[in-house]
Amino acid sequence: MQLIPQAREGHQIIERYAASGFRVSGAVYLGPVLVFPDRTEAWAEPAFTVEGLAPVLAHGGIELLLLGCGRRIAPVSAELRTALKSGGIKVEPMDTGAACRTYNMLAAEDRRVAAALLPPV
């Protein structure tokens, strides 16, 4: 699905998502991605675990993490919720489409948001 975001210089914007991956700020990523306010990277260990989301904890300054769980919402483990909370990060699981739209809206408001996105397959 193509999204029509308001582009802001220096901010990552999710432009498109599909079963094959994502287009973020003009760059195409095949497979899962981690989107931060200042950069996007391929998600090397795509799992909703402390280990899989270690890059988010290491980034610093994130106040909200959106989990794009594919087509269906997945529960967040107590271990992951606790680890993120200790880093000052709230977490919201949702389907990938909703996560992409929510990320763009919050990023446009200059919120410190990140997204861990699985393609909707």
N, C-alpha and C. Protein backbone atom coordinates (compact mmCIF):
# COMPACT_ATOMS: atom_id res chain seq x y z
N MET A 1 0.83 -1.17 0.00
CA MET A 1 0.00 0.00 0.00
C MET A 1 0.88 1.24 0.00
N GLN A 2 0.52 2.21 -0.79
CA GLN A 2 1.27 3.46 -0.84
C GLN A 2 0.67 4.43 0.16
N LEU A 3 1.54 5.08 0.89
CA LEU A 3 1.14 6.11 1.83
C LEU A 3 1.59 7.45 1.27
N ILE A 4 0.85 8.50 1.54
CA ILE A 4 1.24 9.82 1.05
C ILE A 4 1.56 10.69 2.26
N PRO A 5 2.80 10.59 2.74
CA PRO A 5 3.18 11.34 3.94
C PRO A 5 3.62 12.76 3.63
N GLN A 6 3.66 13.57 4.67
CA GLN A 6 4.24 14.89 4.56
C GLN A 6 5.73 14.75 4.84
N ALA A 7 6.54 14.94 3.82
CA ALA A 7 7.99 14.76 3.97
C ALA A 7 8.59 15.93 4.74
N ARG A 8 9.44 15.61 5.69
CA ARG A 8 10.17 16.61 6.45
C ARG A 8 11.64 16.29 6.33
N GLU A 9 12.41 17.28 6.02
CA GLU A 9 13.84 17.07 5.84
C GLU A 9 14.48 16.53 7.12
N GLY A 10 15.31 15.50 6.96
CA GLY A 10 16.00 14.90 8.08
C GLY A 10 15.20 13.88 8.87
N HIS A 11 13.95 13.65 8.49
CA HIS A 11 13.10 12.67 9.17
C HIS A 11 12.78 11.52 8.23
N GLN A 12 12.72 10.33 8.78
CA GLN A 12 12.35 9.16 8.01
C GLN A 12 10.83 9.12 7.86
N ILE A 13 10.37 8.83 6.66
CA ILE A 13 8.95 8.74 6.37
C ILE A 13 8.71 7.41 5.65
N ILE A 14 7.74 6.65 6.12
CA ILE A 14 7.39 5.39 5.48
C ILE A 14 6.46 5.71 4.32
N GLU A 15 6.94 5.46 3.11
CA GLU A 15 6.19 5.81 1.92
C GLU A 15 5.32 4.68 1.39
N ARG A 16 5.77 3.45 1.60
CA ARG A 16 5.07 2.31 1.02
C ARG A 16 5.40 1.05 1.80
N TYR A 17 4.45 0.13 1.86
CA TYR A 17 4.73 -1.18 2.42
C TYR A 17 4.03 -2.24 1.59
N ALA A 18 4.62 -3.43 1.57
CA ALA A 18 4.07 -4.55 0.82
C ALA A 18 4.61 -5.84 1.44
N ALA A 19 4.18 -6.96 0.93
CA ALA A 19 4.64 -8.26 1.44
C ALA A 19 6.14 -8.43 1.26
N SER A 20 6.73 -7.73 0.30
CA SER A 20 8.17 -7.87 0.04
C SER A 20 9.03 -6.95 0.90
N GLY A 21 8.45 -5.88 1.45
CA GLY A 21 9.25 -4.97 2.25
C GLY A 21 8.67 -3.56 2.28
N PHE A 22 9.57 -2.57 2.36
CA PHE A 22 9.16 -1.19 2.62
C PHE A 22 9.96 -0.21 1.78
N ARG A 23 9.36 0.95 1.51
CA ARG A 23 10.10 2.08 0.96
C ARG A 23 10.02 3.19 1.99
N VAL A 24 11.19 3.60 2.48
CA VAL A 24 11.27 4.61 3.53
C VAL A 24 12.19 5.72 3.04
N SER A 25 11.65 6.92 2.97
CA SER A 25 12.40 8.10 2.53
C SER A 25 13.17 7.84 1.24
N GLY A 26 12.52 7.18 0.29
CA GLY A 26 13.09 6.94 -1.03
C GLY A 26 13.93 5.69 -1.16
N ALA A 27 14.28 5.04 -0.08
CA ALA A 27 15.10 3.82 -0.12
C ALA A 27 14.21 2.59 0.05
N VAL A 28 14.51 1.55 -0.72
CA VAL A 28 13.74 0.31 -0.66
C VAL A 28 14.46 -0.70 0.23
N TYR A 29 13.71 -1.32 1.13
CA TYR A 29 14.23 -2.33 2.04
C TYR A 29 13.41 -3.60 1.85
N LEU A 30 14.08 -4.68 1.54
CA LEU A 30 13.40 -5.96 1.42
C LEU A 30 13.36 -6.61 2.79
N GLY A 31 12.19 -7.04 3.21
CA GLY A 31 12.05 -7.69 4.49
C GLY A 31 11.82 -6.72 5.63
N PRO A 32 11.98 -7.20 6.87
CA PRO A 32 11.70 -6.39 8.06
C PRO A 32 12.67 -5.23 8.21
N VAL A 33 12.17 -4.15 8.83
CA VAL A 33 13.00 -2.95 9.05
C VAL A 33 12.77 -2.37 10.44
N LEU A 34 13.76 -1.61 10.87
CA LEU A 34 13.66 -0.77 12.06
C LEU A 34 13.74 0.67 11.56
N VAL A 35 12.73 1.45 11.86
CA VAL A 35 12.67 2.84 11.43
C VAL A 35 12.82 3.73 12.66
N PHE A 36 13.84 4.58 12.61
CA PHE A 36 14.11 5.55 13.67
C PHE A 36 13.86 6.95 13.10
N PRO A 37 13.77 7.96 13.92
CA PRO A 37 13.56 9.31 13.37
C PRO A 37 14.66 9.74 12.39
N ASP A 38 15.90 9.28 12.61
CA ASP A 38 17.03 9.74 11.81
C ASP A 38 17.57 8.74 10.81
N ARG A 39 17.11 7.49 10.85
CA ARG A 39 17.62 6.48 9.91
C ARG A 39 16.71 5.27 9.90
N THR A 40 16.88 4.45 8.87
CA THR A 40 16.18 3.18 8.75
C THR A 40 17.22 2.13 8.47
N GLU A 41 17.03 0.94 9.04
CA GLU A 41 17.98 -0.15 8.79
C GLU A 41 17.23 -1.46 8.66
N ALA A 42 17.83 -2.38 7.91
CA ALA A 42 17.28 -3.72 7.83
C ALA A 42 17.31 -4.31 9.23
N TRP A 43 16.26 -5.03 9.59
CA TRP A 43 16.15 -5.62 10.92
C TRP A 43 16.80 -6.98 10.89
N ALA A 44 18.02 -7.07 11.40
CA ALA A 44 18.84 -8.28 11.30
C ALA A 44 18.24 -9.46 12.05
N GLU A 45 17.69 -9.22 13.24
CA GLU A 45 17.07 -10.28 14.04
C GLU A 45 15.61 -9.94 14.27
N PRO A 46 14.75 -10.20 13.26
CA PRO A 46 13.35 -9.77 13.37
C PRO A 46 12.55 -10.62 14.36
N ALA A 47 12.63 -10.24 15.62
CA ALA A 47 11.86 -10.91 16.67
C ALA A 47 11.47 -9.89 17.72
N PHE A 48 10.27 -10.03 18.25
CA PHE A 48 9.80 -9.12 19.29
C PHE A 48 10.29 -9.63 20.64
N THR A 49 11.62 -9.59 20.78
CA THR A 49 12.30 -10.03 21.99
C THR A 49 13.29 -8.94 22.39
N VAL A 50 13.84 -9.05 23.60
CA VAL A 50 14.84 -8.09 24.06
C VAL A 50 16.04 -8.12 23.11
N GLU A 51 16.47 -9.30 22.71
CA GLU A 51 17.61 -9.42 21.80
C GLU A 51 17.29 -8.85 20.42
N GLY A 52 16.12 -9.17 19.90
CA GLY A 52 15.74 -8.69 18.58
C GLY A 52 15.59 -7.19 18.51
N LEU A 53 15.19 -6.58 19.62
CA LEU A 53 14.98 -5.13 19.64
C LEU A 53 16.09 -4.37 20.35
N ALA A 54 17.24 -5.02 20.54
CA ALA A 54 18.40 -4.38 21.15
C ALA A 54 18.80 -3.09 20.43
N PRO A 55 18.73 -3.01 19.08
CA PRO A 55 19.09 -1.74 18.42
C PRO A 55 18.20 -0.57 18.84
N VAL A 56 16.96 -0.83 19.19
CA VAL A 56 16.06 0.24 19.64
C VAL A 56 16.51 0.74 21.01
N LEU A 57 16.82 -0.19 21.90
CA LEU A 57 17.31 0.19 23.23
C LEU A 57 18.64 0.94 23.13
N ALA A 58 19.49 0.54 22.20
CA ALA A 58 20.80 1.17 22.04
C ALA A 58 20.70 2.55 21.39
N HIS A 59 19.66 2.80 20.62
CA HIS A 59 19.52 4.07 19.90
C HIS A 59 19.45 5.25 20.85
N GLY A 60 18.67 5.13 21.90
CA GLY A 60 18.51 6.23 22.85
C GLY A 60 17.54 7.28 22.36
N GLY A 61 16.84 7.90 23.29
CA GLY A 61 15.95 9.01 22.97
C GLY A 61 14.60 8.62 22.40
N ILE A 62 14.30 7.34 22.29
CA ILE A 62 13.01 6.91 21.76
C ILE A 62 12.02 6.86 22.91
N GLU A 63 10.83 7.43 22.70
CA GLU A 63 9.81 7.41 23.75
C GLU A 63 8.69 6.42 23.45
N LEU A 64 8.52 6.04 22.18
CA LEU A 64 7.46 5.11 21.81
C LEU A 64 7.95 4.20 20.69
N LEU A 65 7.76 2.90 20.86
CA LEU A 65 8.11 1.92 19.85
C LEU A 65 6.82 1.29 19.34
N LEU A 66 6.60 1.39 18.04
CA LEU A 66 5.46 0.75 17.40
C LEU A 66 5.92 -0.58 16.83
N LEU A 67 5.21 -1.64 17.16
CA LEU A 67 5.53 -2.96 16.62
C LEU A 67 4.54 -3.27 15.51
N GLY A 68 5.04 -3.32 14.29
CA GLY A 68 4.22 -3.71 13.14
C GLY A 68 4.30 -5.22 13.00
N CYS A 69 3.29 -5.91 13.48
CA CYS A 69 3.32 -7.37 13.65
C CYS A 69 2.91 -8.16 12.41
N GLY A 70 2.83 -7.53 11.26
CA GLY A 70 2.34 -8.23 10.07
C GLY A 70 0.85 -7.97 9.94
N ARG A 71 0.09 -8.99 9.62
CA ARG A 71 -1.36 -8.82 9.44
C ARG A 71 -2.14 -8.89 10.74
N ARG A 72 -1.54 -9.47 11.77
CA ARG A 72 -2.24 -9.63 13.05
C ARG A 72 -1.39 -9.10 14.20
N ILE A 73 -2.05 -8.59 15.19
CA ILE A 73 -1.37 -8.08 16.38
C ILE A 73 -0.86 -9.25 17.20
N ALA A 74 0.36 -9.12 17.70
CA ALA A 74 0.96 -10.14 18.56
C ALA A 74 1.13 -9.56 19.96
N PRO A 75 0.98 -10.38 20.98
CA PRO A 75 1.18 -9.87 22.35
C PRO A 75 2.64 -9.55 22.61
N VAL A 76 2.87 -8.62 23.53
CA VAL A 76 4.22 -8.24 23.93
C VAL A 76 4.53 -8.97 25.24
N SER A 77 5.66 -9.65 25.27
CA SER A 77 6.02 -10.39 26.48
C SER A 77 6.31 -9.42 27.63
N ALA A 78 6.10 -9.91 28.85
CA ALA A 78 6.39 -9.10 30.03
C ALA A 78 7.87 -8.74 30.08
N GLU A 79 8.74 -9.67 29.66
CA GLU A 79 10.18 -9.41 29.66
C GLU A 79 10.51 -8.24 28.74
N LEU A 80 9.95 -8.23 27.53
CA LEU A 80 10.22 -7.15 26.58
C LEU A 80 9.64 -5.84 27.09
N ARG A 81 8.42 -5.87 27.57
CA ARG A 81 7.78 -4.65 28.07
C ARG A 81 8.61 -4.03 29.21
N THR A 82 9.12 -4.88 30.11
CA THR A 82 9.94 -4.42 31.23
C THR A 82 11.26 -3.82 30.74
N ALA A 83 11.91 -4.49 29.79
CA ALA A 83 13.19 -4.00 29.26
C ALA A 83 13.00 -2.64 28.58
N LEU A 84 11.96 -2.51 27.78
CA LEU A 84 11.71 -1.24 27.10
C LEU A 84 11.35 -0.15 28.11
N LYS A 85 10.53 -0.50 29.08
CA LYS A 85 10.14 0.49 30.10
C LYS A 85 11.35 0.99 30.87
N SER A 86 12.31 0.10 31.14
CA SER A 86 13.52 0.53 31.86
C SER A 86 14.35 1.50 31.02
N GLY A 87 14.17 1.45 29.69
CA GLY A 87 14.84 2.40 28.80
C GLY A 87 13.98 3.62 28.51
N GLY A 88 12.84 3.75 29.21
CA GLY A 88 11.96 4.90 29.02
C GLY A 88 11.11 4.81 27.77
N ILE A 89 10.91 3.59 27.25
CA ILE A 89 10.20 3.39 25.99
C ILE A 89 8.86 2.69 26.23
N LYS A 90 7.79 3.29 25.76
CA LYS A 90 6.48 2.64 25.75
C LYS A 90 6.37 1.84 24.46
N VAL A 91 5.59 0.79 24.47
CA VAL A 91 5.47 -0.07 23.29
C VAL A 91 4.01 -0.29 22.94
N GLU A 92 3.72 -0.26 21.64
CA GLU A 92 2.37 -0.48 21.15
C GLU A 92 2.40 -1.46 19.98
N PRO A 93 1.88 -2.68 20.16
CA PRO A 93 1.79 -3.61 19.03
C PRO A 93 0.54 -3.30 18.20
N MET A 94 0.66 -3.46 16.89
CA MET A 94 -0.47 -3.26 15.97
C MET A 94 -0.14 -3.94 14.65
N ASP A 95 -1.10 -4.01 13.76
CA ASP A 95 -0.77 -4.57 12.45
C ASP A 95 0.16 -3.61 11.72
N THR A 96 0.88 -4.11 10.74
CA THR A 96 1.91 -3.32 10.07
C THR A 96 1.37 -2.06 9.40
N GLY A 97 0.23 -2.15 8.75
CA GLY A 97 -0.34 -0.97 8.11
C GLY A 97 -0.62 0.14 9.10
N ALA A 98 -1.23 -0.21 10.23
CA ALA A 98 -1.52 0.78 11.26
C ALA A 98 -0.23 1.35 11.85
N ALA A 99 0.78 0.50 12.02
CA ALA A 99 2.06 0.97 12.55
C ALA A 99 2.71 1.98 11.61
N CYS A 100 2.65 1.72 10.31
CA CYS A 100 3.23 2.66 9.33
C CYS A 100 2.51 4.00 9.37
N ARG A 101 1.20 3.97 9.36
CA ARG A 101 0.43 5.22 9.38
C ARG A 101 0.65 5.98 10.69
N THR A 102 0.66 5.27 11.80
CA THR A 102 0.86 5.90 13.10
C THR A 102 2.26 6.50 13.21
N TYR A 103 3.27 5.76 12.73
CA TYR A 103 4.64 6.28 12.74
C TYR A 103 4.70 7.62 11.99
N ASN A 104 4.16 7.66 10.77
CA ASN A 104 4.22 8.88 9.98
C ASN A 104 3.53 10.05 10.68
N MET A 105 2.39 9.79 11.28
CA MET A 105 1.66 10.84 11.97
C MET A 105 2.46 11.38 13.16
N LEU A 106 3.01 10.47 13.97
CA LEU A 106 3.77 10.90 15.14
C LEU A 106 5.09 11.56 14.76
N ALA A 107 5.74 11.05 13.72
CA ALA A 107 6.99 11.65 13.25
C ALA A 107 6.74 13.08 12.75
N ALA A 108 5.59 13.30 12.10
CA ALA A 108 5.25 14.64 11.62
C ALA A 108 5.05 15.61 12.78
N GLU A 109 4.73 15.08 13.96
CA GLU A 109 4.57 15.90 15.16
C GLU A 109 5.87 16.02 15.95
N ASP A 110 6.98 15.55 15.36
CA ASP A 110 8.30 15.58 16.00
C ASP A 110 8.37 14.73 17.27
N ARG A 111 7.57 13.68 17.32
CA ARG A 111 7.64 12.76 18.46
C ARG A 111 8.84 11.84 18.28
N ARG A 112 9.42 11.37 19.35
CA ARG A 112 10.57 10.46 19.33
C ARG A 112 10.03 9.04 19.23
N VAL A 113 9.63 8.66 18.03
CA VAL A 113 9.00 7.38 17.77
C VAL A 113 9.90 6.53 16.90
N ALA A 114 9.83 5.22 17.11
CA ALA A 114 10.52 4.25 16.26
C ALA A 114 9.51 3.16 15.90
N ALA A 115 9.81 2.43 14.84
CA ALA A 115 8.92 1.33 14.42
C ALA A 115 9.76 0.11 14.07
N ALA A 116 9.32 -1.03 14.58
CA ALA A 116 9.90 -2.34 14.21
C ALA A 116 8.83 -3.01 13.36
N LEU A 117 9.12 -3.16 12.07
CA LEU A 117 8.09 -3.56 11.12
C LEU A 117 8.36 -4.88 10.42
N LEU A 118 7.38 -5.79 10.51
CA LEU A 118 7.40 -7.01 9.72
C LEU A 118 6.52 -6.79 8.50
N PRO A 119 6.93 -7.26 7.32
CA PRO A 119 6.06 -7.11 6.15
C PRO A 119 4.72 -7.82 6.38
N PRO A 120 3.65 -7.28 5.84
CA PRO A 120 2.33 -7.89 6.03
C PRO A 120 2.12 -9.08 5.09
N VAL A 121 2.56 -10.24 5.53
CA VAL A 121 2.40 -11.46 4.70
C VAL A 121 1.39 -12.40 5.32
